[in-house]
Amino acid sequence: MANYNRTILMGNLTADPEKRFTKDGSAVTNFTVAVNGPPSKDPDREDEVLFMPCVTFGKTAEAVGKYLSKGDPVLVDGRLRTDKWEQDGEKKSRTVLRVGLVQFLGRKGEASGEPEGASDGDLSF
């Protein structure tokens, strides 16, 4: 049986994306998507929210950094990756979504729309 690692999420950005460039000039953008779970039936429990850290590269990273901001709705498609490192002698890890495709779904509070400068509504990168 083959392995398969693909995740598709739809939610809203929790903060403005953070764009930076590698030494060779390639764009890398980090952002977090909040995805609401089903409403809790227990009035004493809060609704479940998933906060998924995301990273994207190249032209997609440039577009995300240019057009998206806190609160904007997006659909992201990618693969999960676990980053591992050691800090102050303690082993740490974090699961991130390495995004290959971002579809802009409008601006916060809009039903739909496209970023300024976009051409024909196809905002997938």
PDB file of N, CA and C in Angstrom:
ATOM      1  N   MET A   1       0.836  -1.167   0.000  1.00  0.00           N
ATOM      2  CA  MET A   1       0.000   0.000   0.000  1.00  0.00           C
ATOM      3  C   MET A   1       0.890   1.244   0.000  1.00  0.00           C
ATOM      4  N   ALA A   2       0.559   2.222  -0.829  1.00  0.00           N
ATOM      5  CA  ALA A   2       1.326   3.458  -0.924  1.00  0.00           C
ATOM      6  C   ALA A   2       0.923   4.431   0.180  1.00  0.00           C
ATOM      7  N   ASN A   3       1.859   5.273   0.557  1.00  0.00           N
ATOM      8  CA  ASN A   3       1.580   6.328   1.535  1.00  0.00           C
ATOM      9  C   ASN A   3       1.051   7.560   0.818  1.00  0.00           C
ATOM     10  N   TYR A   4       0.259   8.355   1.524  1.00  0.00           N
ATOM     11  CA  TYR A   4      -0.338   9.537   0.915  1.00  0.00           C
ATOM     12  C   TYR A   4      -0.422  10.625   1.975  1.00  0.00           C
ATOM     13  N   ASN A   5       0.097  11.802   1.687  1.00  0.00           N
ATOM     14  CA  ASN A   5       0.109  12.910   2.631  1.00  0.00           C
ATOM     15  C   ASN A   5      -0.414  14.150   1.924  1.00  0.00           C
ATOM     16  N   ARG A   6      -1.690  14.453   2.092  1.00  0.00           N
ATOM     17  CA  ARG A   6      -2.293  15.631   1.490  1.00  0.00           C
ATOM     18  C   ARG A   6      -3.342  16.178   2.447  1.00  0.00           C
ATOM     19  N   THR A   7      -3.319  17.491   2.620  1.00  0.00           N
ATOM     20  CA  THR A   7      -4.260  18.144   3.523  1.00  0.00           C
ATOM     21  C   THR A   7      -4.839  19.363   2.828  1.00  0.00           C
ATOM     22  N   ILE A   8      -6.157  19.510   2.908  1.00  0.00           N
ATOM     23  CA  ILE A   8      -6.847  20.671   2.360  1.00  0.00           C
ATOM     24  C   ILE A   8      -7.622  21.312   3.508  1.00  0.00           C
ATOM     25  N   LEU A   9      -7.387  22.602   3.735  1.00  0.00           N
ATOM     26  CA  LEU A   9      -8.056  23.325   4.807  1.00  0.00           C
ATOM     27  C   LEU A   9      -8.657  24.613   4.267  1.00  0.00           C
ATOM     28  N   MET A  10      -9.753  25.035   4.864  1.00  0.00           N
ATOM     29  CA  MET A  10     -10.351  26.317   4.531  1.00  0.00           C
ATOM     30  C   MET A  10     -10.586  27.054   5.838  1.00  0.00           C
ATOM     31  N   GLY A  11     -10.038  28.269   5.907  1.00  0.00           N
ATOM     32  CA  GLY A  11     -10.167  29.048   7.135  1.00  0.00           C
ATOM     33  C   GLY A  11      -9.728  30.476   6.903  1.00  0.00           C
ATOM     34  N   ASN A  12      -9.352  31.147   7.984  1.00  0.00           N
ATOM     35  CA  ASN A  12      -8.965  32.549   7.926  1.00  0.00           C
ATOM     36  C   ASN A  12      -7.566  32.741   8.503  1.00  0.00           C
ATOM     37  N   LEU A  13      -6.815  33.688   7.933  1.00  0.00           N
ATOM     38  CA  LEU A  13      -5.500  34.005   8.450  1.00  0.00           C
ATOM     39  C   LEU A  13      -5.619  34.644   9.831  1.00  0.00           C
ATOM     40  N   THR A  14      -4.773  34.217  10.759  1.00  0.00           N
ATOM     41  CA  THR A  14      -4.814  34.737  12.124  1.00  0.00           C
ATOM     42  C   THR A  14      -3.990  36.011  12.286  1.00  0.00           C
ATOM     43  N   ALA A  15      -3.103  36.276  11.329  1.00  0.00           N
ATOM     44  CA  ALA A  15      -2.240  37.465  11.360  1.00  0.00           C
ATOM     45  C   ALA A  15      -1.757  37.717   9.938  1.00  0.00           C
ATOM     46  N   ASP A  16      -1.146  38.870   9.720  1.00  0.00           N
ATOM     47  CA  ASP A  16      -0.563  39.142   8.410  1.00  0.00           C
ATOM     48  C   ASP A  16       0.540  38.135   8.126  1.00  0.00           C
ATOM     49  N   PRO A  17       0.659  37.668   6.880  1.00  0.00           N
ATOM     50  CA  PRO A  17       1.722  36.729   6.524  1.00  0.00           C
ATOM     51  C   PRO A  17       3.100  37.371   6.732  1.00  0.00           C
ATOM     52  N   GLU A  18       4.088  36.541   7.046  1.00  0.00           N
ATOM     53  CA  GLU A  18       5.461  36.998   7.234  1.00  0.00           C
ATOM     54  C   GLU A  18       6.301  36.497   6.069  1.00  0.00           C
ATOM     55  N   LYS A  19       6.671  37.424   5.177  1.00  0.00           N
ATOM     56  CA  LYS A  19       7.453  37.059   3.997  1.00  0.00           C
ATOM     57  C   LYS A  19       8.914  37.398   4.235  1.00  0.00           C
ATOM     58  N   ARG A  20       9.787  36.490   3.806  1.00  0.00           N
ATOM     59  CA  ARG A  20      11.232  36.716   3.865  1.00  0.00           C
ATOM     60  C   ARG A  20      11.843  36.099   2.622  1.00  0.00           C
ATOM     61  N   PHE A  21      13.126  36.281   2.458  1.00  0.00           N
ATOM     62  CA  PHE A  21      13.807  35.743   1.289  1.00  0.00           C
ATOM     63  C   PHE A  21      15.016  34.926   1.725  1.00  0.00           C
ATOM     64  N   THR A  22      15.255  33.832   1.011  1.00  0.00           N
ATOM     65  CA  THR A  22      16.427  33.008   1.280  1.00  0.00           C
ATOM     66  C   THR A  22      17.657  33.709   0.712  1.00  0.00           C
ATOM     67  N   LYS A  23      18.831  33.162   0.988  1.00  0.00           N
ATOM     68  CA  LYS A  23      20.083  33.750   0.483  1.00  0.00           C
ATOM     69  C   LYS A  23      20.101  33.831  -1.035  1.00  0.00           C
ATOM     70  N   ASP A  24      19.428  32.883  -1.698  1.00  0.00           N
ATOM     71  CA  ASP A  24      19.411  32.895  -3.171  1.00  0.00           C
ATOM     72  C   ASP A  24      18.270  33.739  -3.744  1.00  0.00           C
ATOM     73  N   GLY A  25      17.520  34.437  -2.882  1.00  0.00           N
ATOM     74  CA  GLY A  25      16.480  35.352  -3.342  1.00  0.00           C
ATOM     75  C   GLY A  25      15.096  34.756  -3.494  1.00  0.00           C
ATOM     76  N   SER A  26      14.902  33.499  -3.104  1.00  0.00           N
ATOM     77  CA  SER A  26      13.578  32.872  -3.196  1.00  0.00           C
ATOM     78  C   SER A  26      12.706  33.315  -2.023  1.00  0.00           C
ATOM     79  N   ALA A  27      11.430  33.588  -2.303  1.00  0.00           N
ATOM     80  CA  ALA A  27      10.496  34.012  -1.264  1.00  0.00           C
ATOM     81  C   ALA A  27      10.024  32.815  -0.436  1.00  0.00           C
ATOM     82  N   VAL A  28       9.890  33.048   0.867  1.00  0.00           N
ATOM     83  CA  VAL A  28       9.322  32.085   1.808  1.00  0.00           C
ATOM     84  C   VAL A  28       8.336  32.872   2.662  1.00  0.00           C
ATOM     85  N   THR A  29       7.086  32.396   2.733  1.00  0.00           N
ATOM     86  CA  THR A  29       6.079  33.096   3.525  1.00  0.00           C
ATOM     87  C   THR A  29       5.461  32.142   4.536  1.00  0.00           C
ATOM     88  N   ASN A  30       5.415  32.594   5.780  1.00  0.00           N
ATOM     89  CA  ASN A  30       4.784  31.847   6.868  1.00  0.00           C
ATOM     90  C   ASN A  30       3.486  32.539   7.252  1.00  0.00           C
ATOM     91  N   PHE A  31       2.471  31.740   7.538  1.00  0.00           N
ATOM     92  CA  PHE A  31       1.189  32.263   7.991  1.00  0.00           C
ATOM     93  C   PHE A  31       0.459  31.160   8.731  1.00  0.00           C
ATOM     94  N   THR A  32      -0.558  31.533   9.486  1.00  0.00           N
ATOM     95  CA  THR A  32      -1.352  30.559  10.227  1.00  0.00           C
ATOM     96  C   THR A  32      -2.807  30.689   9.807  1.00  0.00           C
ATOM     97  N   VAL A  33      -3.447  29.542   9.583  1.00  0.00           N
ATOM     98  CA  VAL A  33      -4.856  29.500   9.209  1.00  0.00           C
ATOM     99  C   VAL A  33      -5.653  28.931  10.382  1.00  0.00           C
ATOM    100  N   ALA A  34      -6.700  29.645  10.773  1.00  0.00           N
ATOM    101  CA  ALA A  34      -7.617  29.172  11.812  1.00  0.00           C
ATOM    102  C   ALA A  34      -8.797  28.500  11.130  1.00  0.00           C
ATOM    103  N   VAL A  35      -9.067  27.258  11.530  1.00  0.00           N
ATOM    104  CA  VAL A  35     -10.163  26.483  10.951  1.00  0.00           C
ATOM    105  C   VAL A  35     -11.131  26.123  12.073  1.00  0.00           C
ATOM    106  N   ASN A  36     -12.365  26.594  11.947  1.00  0.00           N
ATOM    107  CA  ASN A  36     -13.376  26.301  12.956  1.00  0.00           C
ATOM    108  C   ASN A  36     -13.883  24.882  12.809  1.00  0.00           C
ATOM    109  N   GLY A  37     -14.011  24.213  13.944  1.00  0.00           N
ATOM    110  CA  GLY A  37     -14.598  22.880  13.967  1.00  0.00           C
ATOM    111  C   GLY A  37     -16.097  22.989  14.122  1.00  0.00           C
ATOM    112  N   PRO A  38     -16.768  21.864  14.256  1.00  0.00           N
ATOM    113  CA  PRO A  38     -18.219  21.904  14.457  1.00  0.00           C
ATOM    114  C   PRO A  38     -18.548  22.557  15.799  1.00  0.00           C
ATOM    115  N   PRO A  39     -19.679  23.249  15.879  1.00  0.00           N
ATOM    116  CA  PRO A  39     -20.076  23.876  17.152  1.00  0.00           C
ATOM    117  C   PRO A  39     -20.240  22.825  18.243  1.00  0.00           C
ATOM    118  N   SER A  40     -19.814  23.173  19.448  1.00  0.00           N
ATOM    119  CA  SER A  40     -19.941  22.262  20.580  1.00  0.00           C
ATOM    120  C   SER A  40     -21.398  22.189  21.020  1.00  0.00           C
ATOM    121  N   LYS A  41     -21.857  20.977  21.302  1.00  0.00           N
ATOM    122  CA  LYS A  41     -23.227  20.799  21.796  1.00  0.00           C
ATOM    123  C   LYS A  41     -23.300  21.022  23.305  1.00  0.00           C
ATOM    124  N   ASP A  42     -22.132  21.038  23.943  1.00  0.00           N
ATOM    125  CA  ASP A  42     -22.056  21.266  25.381  1.00  0.00           C
ATOM    126  C   ASP A  42     -21.844  22.761  25.626  1.00  0.00           C
ATOM    127  N   PRO A  43     -22.784  23.436  26.273  1.00  0.00           N
ATOM    128  CA  PRO A  43     -22.653  24.886  26.480  1.00  0.00           C
ATOM    129  C   PRO A  43     -21.464  25.272  27.361  1.00  0.00           C
ATOM    130  N   ASP A  44     -20.903  24.321  28.094  1.00  0.00           N
ATOM    131  CA  ASP A  44     -19.762  24.605  28.963  1.00  0.00           C
ATOM    132  C   ASP A  44     -18.416  24.445  28.239  1.00  0.00           C
ATOM    133  N   ARG A  45     -18.458  23.973  27.004  1.00  0.00           N
ATOM    134  CA  ARG A  45     -17.213  23.789  26.236  1.00  0.00           C
ATOM    135  C   ARG A  45     -17.163  24.796  25.102  1.00  0.00           C
ATOM    136  N   GLU A  46     -15.976  25.283  24.833  1.00  0.00           N
ATOM    137  CA  GLU A  46     -15.784  26.196  23.706  1.00  0.00           C
ATOM    138  C   GLU A  46     -15.755  25.402  22.409  1.00  0.00           C
ATOM    139  N   ASP A  47     -16.116  26.076  21.316  1.00  0.00           N
ATOM    140  CA  ASP A  47     -16.024  25.438  20.006  1.00  0.00           C
ATOM    141  C   ASP A  47     -14.557  25.154  19.683  1.00  0.00           C
ATOM    142  N   GLU A  48     -14.320  24.079  18.969  1.00  0.00           N
ATOM    143  CA  GLU A  48     -12.968  23.672  18.607  1.00  0.00           C
ATOM    144  C   GLU A  48     -12.452  24.513  17.447  1.00  0.00           C
ATOM    145  N   VAL A  49     -11.206  24.995  17.567  1.00  0.00           N
ATOM    146  CA  VAL A  49     -10.554  25.735  16.488  1.00  0.00           C
ATOM    147  C   VAL A  49      -9.161  25.154  16.296  1.00  0.00           C
ATOM    148  N   LEU A  50      -8.820  24.847  15.054  1.00  0.00           N
ATOM    149  CA  LEU A  50      -7.486  24.368  14.711  1.00  0.00           C
ATOM    150  C   LEU A  50      -6.685  25.555  14.191  1.00  0.00           C
ATOM    151  N   PHE A  51      -5.503  25.777  14.753  1.00  0.00           N
ATOM    152  CA  PHE A  51      -4.596  26.812  14.271  1.00  0.00           C
ATOM    153  C   PHE A  51      -3.442  26.101  13.576  1.00  0.00           C
ATOM    154  N   MET A  52      -3.427  26.127  12.232  1.00  0.00           N
ATOM    155  CA  MET A  52      -2.431  25.392  11.465  1.00  0.00           C
ATOM    156  C   MET A  52      -1.355  26.327  10.925  1.00  0.00           C
ATOM    157  N   PRO A  53      -0.115  26.166  11.392  1.00  0.00           N
ATOM    158  CA  PRO A  53       0.985  26.932  10.821  1.00  0.00           C
ATOM    159  C   PRO A  53       1.242  26.460   9.388  1.00  0.00           C
ATOM    160  N   CYS A  54       1.441  27.408   8.482  1.00  0.00           N
ATOM    161  CA  CYS A  54       1.651  27.098   7.066  1.00  0.00           C
ATOM    162  C   CYS A  54       2.913  27.778   6.565  1.00  0.00           C
ATOM    163  N   VAL A  55       3.540  27.173   5.576  1.00  0.00           N
ATOM    164  CA  VAL A  55       4.691  27.776   4.909  1.00  0.00           C
ATOM    165  C   VAL A  55       4.554  27.516   3.418  1.00  0.00           C
ATOM    166  N   THR A  56       4.922  28.505   2.619  1.00  0.00           N
ATOM    167  CA  THR A  56       4.882  28.363   1.173  1.00  0.00           C
ATOM    168  C   THR A  56       6.098  29.047   0.572  1.00  0.00           C
ATOM    169  N   PHE A  57       6.437  28.675  -0.657  1.00  0.00           N
ATOM    170  CA  PHE A  57       7.684  29.107  -1.275  1.00  0.00           C
ATOM    171  C   PHE A  57       7.449  29.681  -2.673  1.00  0.00           C
ATOM    172  N   GLY A  58       8.431  30.410  -3.175  1.00  0.00           N
ATOM    173  CA  GLY A  58       8.439  30.883  -4.562  1.00  0.00           C
ATOM    174  C   GLY A  58       7.329  31.864  -4.878  1.00  0.00           C
ATOM    175  N   LYS A  59       6.739  31.692  -6.073  1.00  0.00           N
ATOM    176  CA  LYS A  59       5.696  32.611  -6.536  1.00  0.00           C
ATOM    177  C   LYS A  59       4.470  32.592  -5.635  1.00  0.00           C
ATOM    178  N   THR A  60       4.146  31.432  -5.105  1.00  0.00           N
ATOM    179  CA  THR A  60       3.006  31.349  -4.183  1.00  0.00           C
ATOM    180  C   THR A  60       3.292  32.176  -2.934  1.00  0.00           C
ATOM    181  N   ALA A  61       4.504  32.078  -2.416  1.00  0.00           N
ATOM    182  CA  ALA A  61       4.887  32.859  -1.232  1.00  0.00           C
ATOM    183  C   ALA A  61       4.812  34.355  -1.514  1.00  0.00           C
ATOM    184  N   GLU A  62       5.239  34.763  -2.698  1.00  0.00           N
ATOM    185  CA  GLU A  62       5.182  36.177  -3.063  1.00  0.00           C
ATOM    186  C   GLU A  62       3.732  36.666  -3.125  1.00  0.00           C
ATOM    187  N   ALA A  63       2.849  35.869  -3.732  1.00  0.00           N
ATOM    188  CA  ALA A  63       1.439  36.248  -3.858  1.00  0.00           C
ATOM    189  C   ALA A  63       0.764  36.330  -2.487  1.00  0.00           C
ATOM    190  N   VAL A  64       1.023  35.351  -1.625  1.00  0.00           N
ATOM    191  CA  VAL A  64       0.432  35.352  -0.280  1.00  0.00           C
ATOM    192  C   VAL A  64       0.894  36.588   0.483  1.00  0.00           C
ATOM    193  N   GLY A  65       2.193  36.882   0.412  1.00  0.00           N
ATOM    194  CA  GLY A  65       2.726  38.039   1.113  1.00  0.00           C
ATOM    195  C   GLY A  65       2.192  39.352   0.583  1.00  0.00           C
ATOM    196  N   LYS A  66       1.887  39.397  -0.701  1.00  0.00           N
ATOM    197  CA  LYS A  66       1.420  40.634  -1.335  1.00  0.00           C
ATOM    198  C   LYS A  66      -0.073  40.866  -1.139  1.00  0.00           C
ATOM    199  N   TYR A  67      -0.889  39.829  -1.278  1.00  0.00           N
ATOM    200  CA  TYR A  67      -2.333  40.001  -1.352  1.00  0.00           C
ATOM    201  C   TYR A  67      -3.123  39.664  -0.089  1.00  0.00           C
ATOM    202  N   LEU A  68      -2.558  38.859   0.816  1.00  0.00           N
ATOM    203  CA  LEU A  68      -3.343  38.419   1.972  1.00  0.00           C
ATOM    204  C   LEU A  68      -2.989  39.193   3.232  1.00  0.00           C
ATOM    205  N   SER A  69      -3.957  39.295   4.126  1.00  0.00           N
ATOM    206  CA  SER A  69      -3.725  39.929   5.418  1.00  0.00           C
ATOM    207  C   SER A  69      -4.608  39.255   6.469  1.00  0.00           C
ATOM    208  N   LYS A  70      -4.404  39.638   7.710  1.00  0.00           N
ATOM    209  CA  LYS A  70      -5.131  39.062   8.833  1.00  0.00           C
ATOM    210  C   LYS A  70      -6.639  39.045   8.566  1.00  0.00           C
ATOM    211  N   GLY A  71      -7.257  37.887   8.810  1.00  0.00           N
ATOM    212  CA  GLY A  71      -8.703  37.743   8.667  1.00  0.00           C
ATOM    213  C   GLY A  71      -9.161  37.267   7.306  1.00  0.00           C
ATOM    214  N   ASP A  72      -8.295  37.323   6.292  1.00  0.00           N
ATOM    215  CA  ASP A  72      -8.712  36.915   4.948  1.00  0.00           C
ATOM    216  C   ASP A  72      -9.000  35.414   4.887  1.00  0.00           C
ATOM    217  N   PRO A  73     -10.097  35.027   4.219  1.00  0.00           N
ATOM    218  CA  PRO A  73     -10.414  33.603   4.057  1.00  0.00           C
ATOM    219  C   PRO A  73      -9.605  32.994   2.912  1.00  0.00           C
ATOM    220  N   VAL A  74      -9.108  31.775   3.129  1.00  0.00           N
ATOM    221  CA  VAL A  74      -8.321  31.071   2.113  1.00  0.00           C
ATOM    222  C   VAL A  74      -8.621  29.580   2.143  1.00  0.00           C
ATOM    223  N   LEU A  75      -8.333  28.933   1.043  1.00  0.00           N
ATOM    224  CA  LEU A  75      -8.291  27.476   0.961  1.00  0.00           C
ATOM    225  C   LEU A  75      -6.837  27.137   0.683  1.00  0.00           C
ATOM    226  N   VAL A  76      -6.260  26.265   1.488  1.00  0.00           N
ATOM    227  CA  VAL A  76      -4.865  25.854   1.299  1.00  0.00           C
ATOM    228  C   VAL A  76      -4.806  24.352   1.069  1.00  0.00           C
ATOM    229  N   ASP A  77      -3.897  23.952   0.218  1.00  0.00           N
ATOM    230  CA  ASP A  77      -3.722  22.545  -0.156  1.00  0.00           C
ATOM    231  C   ASP A  77      -2.233  22.250  -0.080  1.00  0.00           C
ATOM    232  N   GLY A  78      -1.868  21.246   0.701  1.00  0.00           N
ATOM    233  CA  GLY A  78      -0.453  20.921   0.826  1.00  0.00           C
ATOM    234  C   GLY A  78      -0.235  19.607   1.532  1.00  0.00           C
ATOM    235  N   ARG A  79       0.985  19.465   2.062  1.00  0.00           N
ATOM    236  CA  ARG A  79       1.323  18.237   2.782  1.00  0.00           C
ATOM    237  C   ARG A  79       1.867  18.591   4.152  1.00  0.00           C
ATOM    238  N   LEU A  80       1.566  17.748   5.116  1.00  0.00           N
ATOM    239  CA  LEU A  80       2.029  17.964   6.480  1.00  0.00           C
ATOM    240  C   LEU A  80       3.490  17.566   6.607  1.00  0.00           C
ATOM    241  N   ARG A  81       4.206  18.346   7.394  1.00  0.00           N
ATOM    242  CA  ARG A  81       5.626  18.070   7.638  1.00  0.00           C
ATOM    243  C   ARG A  81       5.899  18.379   9.108  1.00  0.00           C
ATOM    244  N   THR A  82       6.715  17.569   9.751  1.00  0.00           N
ATOM    245  CA  THR A  82       7.099  17.828  11.131  1.00  0.00           C
ATOM    246  C   THR A  82       8.529  18.334  11.156  1.00  0.00           C
ATOM    247  N   ASP A  83       8.700  19.566  11.644  1.00  0.00           N
ATOM    248  CA  ASP A  83      10.032  20.140  11.825  1.00  0.00           C
ATOM    249  C   ASP A  83      10.517  19.759  13.217  1.00  0.00           C
ATOM    250  N   LYS A  84      11.785  19.359  13.309  1.00  0.00           N
ATOM    251  CA  LYS A  84      12.375  18.979  14.602  1.00  0.00           C
ATOM    252  C   LYS A  84      13.660  19.763  14.795  1.00  0.00           C
ATOM    253  N   TRP A  85      13.879  20.223  16.036  1.00  0.00           N
ATOM    254  CA  TRP A  85      15.099  20.930  16.361  1.00  0.00           C
ATOM    255  C   TRP A  85      15.350  20.804  17.855  1.00  0.00           C
ATOM    256  N   GLU A  86      16.533  21.254  18.265  1.00  0.00           N
ATOM    257  CA  GLU A  86      16.889  21.236  19.673  1.00  0.00           C
ATOM    258  C   GLU A  86      17.147  22.668  20.108  1.00  0.00           C
ATOM    259  N   GLN A  87      16.583  23.036  21.256  1.00  0.00           N
ATOM    260  CA  GLN A  87      16.730  24.382  21.781  1.00  0.00           C
ATOM    261  C   GLN A  87      17.040  24.292  23.265  1.00  0.00           C
ATOM    262  N   ASP A  88      18.168  24.855  23.667  1.00  0.00           N
ATOM    263  CA  ASP A  88      18.595  24.830  25.066  1.00  0.00           C
ATOM    264  C   ASP A  88      18.606  23.408  25.622  1.00  0.00           C
ATOM    265  N   GLY A  89      19.071  22.455  24.804  1.00  0.00           N
ATOM    266  CA  GLY A  89      19.164  21.068  25.225  1.00  0.00           C
ATOM    267  C   GLY A  89      17.851  20.313  25.225  1.00  0.00           C
ATOM    268  N   GLU A  90      16.774  20.959  24.817  1.00  0.00           N
ATOM    269  CA  GLU A  90      15.459  20.329  24.796  1.00  0.00           C
ATOM    270  C   GLU A  90      15.021  20.075  23.351  1.00  0.00           C
ATOM    271  N   LYS A  91      14.566  18.841  23.096  1.00  0.00           N
ATOM    272  CA  LYS A  91      14.082  18.506  21.759  1.00  0.00           C
ATOM    273  C   LYS A  91      12.697  19.100  21.551  1.00  0.00           C
ATOM    274  N   LYS A  92      12.502  19.747  20.405  1.00  0.00           N
ATOM    275  CA  LYS A  92      11.223  20.376  20.072  1.00  0.00           C
ATOM    276  C   LYS A  92      10.778  19.892  18.706  1.00  0.00           C
ATOM    277  N   SER A  93       9.478  19.985  18.468  1.00  0.00           N
ATOM    278  CA  SER A  93       8.935  19.651  17.152  1.00  0.00           C
ATOM    279  C   SER A  93       7.670  20.443  16.919  1.00  0.00           C
ATOM    280  N   ARG A  94       7.330  20.607  15.651  1.00  0.00           N
ATOM    281  CA  ARG A  94       6.132  21.349  15.267  1.00  0.00           C
ATOM    282  C   ARG A  94       5.681  20.824  13.909  1.00  0.00           C
ATOM    283  N   THR A  95       4.396  20.582  13.787  1.00  0.00           N
ATOM    284  CA  THR A  95       3.832  20.158  12.513  1.00  0.00           C
ATOM    285  C   THR A  95       3.355  21.385  11.760  1.00  0.00           C
ATOM    286  N   VAL A  96       3.769  21.489  10.492  1.00  0.00           N
ATOM    287  CA  VAL A  96       3.371  22.605   9.634  1.00  0.00           C
ATOM    288  C   VAL A  96       2.785  22.055   8.342  1.00  0.00           C
ATOM    289  N   LEU A  97       1.981  22.867   7.689  1.00  0.00           N
ATOM    290  CA  LEU A  97       1.447  22.514   6.379  1.00  0.00           C
ATOM    291  C   LEU A  97       2.314  23.197   5.330  1.00  0.00           C
ATOM    292  N   ARG A  98       3.001  22.407   4.536  1.00  0.00           N
ATOM    293  CA  ARG A  98       3.794  22.943   3.434  1.00  0.00           C
ATOM    294  C   ARG A  98       2.844  23.111   2.256  1.00  0.00           C
ATOM    295  N   VAL A  99       2.459  24.350   2.008  1.00  0.00           N
ATOM    296  CA  VAL A  99       1.386  24.670   1.074  1.00  0.00           C
ATOM    297  C   VAL A  99       1.897  24.742  -0.357  1.00  0.00           C
ATOM    298  N   GLY A 100       1.215  24.037  -1.248  1.00  0.00           N
ATOM    299  CA  GLY A 100       1.529  24.085  -2.664  1.00  0.00           C
ATOM    300  C   GLY A 100       0.532  24.921  -3.444  1.00  0.00           C
ATOM    301  N   LEU A 101      -0.692  25.025  -2.923  1.00  0.00           N
ATOM    302  CA  LEU A 101      -1.730  25.789  -3.603  1.00  0.00           C
ATOM    303  C   LEU A 101      -2.498  26.616  -2.585  1.00  0.00           C
ATOM    304  N   VAL A 102      -2.699  27.895  -2.913  1.00  0.00           N
ATOM    305  CA  VAL A 102      -3.504  28.788  -2.087  1.00  0.00           C
ATOM    306  C   VAL A 102      -4.585  29.364  -2.977  1.00  0.00           C
ATOM    307  N   GLN A 103      -5.816  29.258  -2.542  1.00  0.00           N
ATOM    308  CA  GLN A 103      -6.910  29.900  -3.267  1.00  0.00           C
ATOM    309  C   GLN A 103      -7.466  30.997  -2.375  1.00  0.00           C
ATOM    310  N   PHE A 104      -7.410  32.227  -2.877  1.00  0.00           N
ATOM    311  CA  PHE A 104      -7.949  33.365  -2.143  1.00  0.00           C
ATOM    312  C   PHE A 104      -9.466  33.323  -2.259  1.00  0.00           C
ATOM    313  N   LEU A 105     -10.158  33.490  -1.149  1.00  0.00           N
ATOM    314  CA  LEU A 105     -11.611  33.394  -1.145  1.00  0.00           C
ATOM    315  C   LEU A 105     -12.282  34.740  -0.914  1.00  0.00           C
ATOM    316  N   GLY A 106     -11.562  35.821  -1.022  1.00  0.00           N
ATOM    317  CA  GLY A 106     -12.119  37.157  -0.811  1.00  0.00           C
ATOM    318  C   GLY A 106     -11.441  37.811   0.358  1.00  0.00           C
ATOM    319  N   ARG A 107     -11.980  38.922   0.766  1.00  0.00           N
ATOM    320  CA  ARG A 107     -11.472  39.645   1.931  1.00  0.00           C
ATOM    321  C   ARG A 107     -12.369  39.378   3.118  1.00  0.00           C
ATOM    322  N   LYS A 108     -11.847  39.599   4.310  1.00  0.00           N
ATOM    323  CA  LYS A 108     -12.642  39.403   5.519  1.00  0.00           C
ATOM    324  C   LYS A 108     -13.931  40.213   5.407  1.00  0.00           C
ATOM    325  N   GLY A 109     -15.059  39.560   5.605  1.00  0.00           N
ATOM    326  CA  GLY A 109     -16.338  40.240   5.553  1.00  0.00           C
ATOM    327  C   GLY A 109     -16.967  40.281   4.175  1.00  0.00           C
ATOM    328  N   GLU A 110     -16.244  39.866   3.136  1.00  0.00           N
ATOM    329  CA  GLU A 110     -16.808  39.838   1.779  1.00  0.00           C
ATOM    330  C   GLU A 110     -17.237  38.424   1.453  1.00  0.00           C
ATOM    331  N   ALA A 111     -18.247  38.314   0.620  1.00  0.00           N
ATOM    332  CA  ALA A 111     -18.678  36.988   0.164  1.00  0.00           C
ATOM    333  C   ALA A 111     -17.678  36.443  -0.837  1.00  0.00           C
ATOM    334  N   SER A 112     -17.179  37.291  -1.703  1.00  0.00           N
ATOM    335  CA  SER A 112     -16.156  36.891  -2.659  1.00  0.00           C
ATOM    336  C   SER A 112     -15.500  38.156  -3.165  1.00  0.00           C
ATOM    337  N   GLY A 113     -14.436  37.986  -3.886  1.00  0.00           N
ATOM    338  CA  GLY A 113     -13.730  39.142  -4.414  1.00  0.00           C
ATOM    339  C   GLY A 113     -12.352  38.733  -4.841  1.00  0.00           C
ATOM    340  N   GLU A 114     -11.623  39.691  -5.383  1.00  0.00           N
ATOM    341  CA  GLU A 114     -10.272  39.389  -5.791  1.00  0.00           C
ATOM    342  C   GLU A 114      -9.356  40.521  -5.389  1.00  0.00           C
ATOM    343  N   PRO A 115      -8.092  40.201  -5.104  1.00  0.00           N
ATOM    344  CA  PRO A 115      -7.162  41.234  -4.713  1.00  0.00           C
ATOM    345  C   PRO A 115      -6.956  42.243  -5.833  1.00  0.00           C
ATOM    346  N   GLU A 116      -6.626  43.445  -5.437  1.00  0.00           N
ATOM    347  CA  GLU A 116      -6.339  44.484  -6.413  1.00  0.00           C
ATOM    348  C   GLU A 116      -5.220  44.012  -7.325  1.00  0.00           C
ATOM    349  N   GLY A 117      -5.399  44.176  -8.615  1.00  0.00           N
ATOM    350  CA  GLY A 117      -4.385  43.770  -9.572  1.00  0.00           C
ATOM    351  C   GLY A 117      -4.566  42.366 -10.109  1.00  0.00           C
ATOM    352  N   ALA A 118      -5.478  41.578  -9.545  1.00  0.00           N
ATOM    353  CA  ALA A 118      -5.718  40.232 -10.061  1.00  0.00           C
ATOM    354  C   ALA A 118      -6.527  40.351 -11.352  1.00  0.00           C
ATOM    355  N   SER A 119      -6.319  39.407 -12.245  1.00  0.00           N
ATOM    356  CA  SER A 119      -6.924  39.560 -13.559  1.00  0.00           C
ATOM    357  C   SER A 119      -8.297  38.949 -13.702  1.00  0.00           C
ATOM    358  N   ASP A 120      -8.436  37.658 -13.609  1.00  0.00           N
ATOM    359  CA  ASP A 120      -9.706  37.049 -13.993  1.00  0.00           C
ATOM    360  C   ASP A 120     -10.344  36.191 -12.908  1.00  0.00           C
ATOM    361  N   GLY A 121     -10.072  36.501 -11.658  1.00  0.00           N
ATOM    362  CA  GLY A 121     -10.732  35.767 -10.579  1.00  0.00           C
ATOM    363  C   GLY A 121     -10.107  34.433 -10.250  1.00  0.00           C
ATOM    364  N   ASP A 122      -9.226  33.903 -11.102  1.00  0.00           N
ATOM    365  CA  ASP A 122      -8.547  32.653 -10.797  1.00  0.00           C
ATOM    366  C   ASP A 122      -7.342  33.001  -9.940  1.00  0.00           C
ATOM    367  N   LEU A 123      -7.487  32.870  -8.652  1.00  0.00           N
ATOM    368  CA  LEU A 123      -6.465  33.318  -7.739  1.00  0.00           C
ATOM    369  C   LEU A 123      -5.700  32.177  -7.106  1.00  0.00           C
ATOM    370  N   SER A 124      -5.701  31.030  -7.754  1.00  0.00           N
ATOM    371  CA  SER A 124      -4.939  29.896  -7.248  1.00  0.00           C
ATOM    372  C   SER A 124      -3.494  30.049  -7.699  1.00  0.00           C
ATOM    373  N   PHE A 125      -2.571  29.734  -6.801  1.00  0.00           N
ATOM    374  CA  PHE A 125      -1.142  29.776  -7.130  1.00  0.00           C
ATOM    375  C   PHE A 125      -0.511  28.460  -6.806  1.00  0.00           C
TER     376      PHE A 125
END
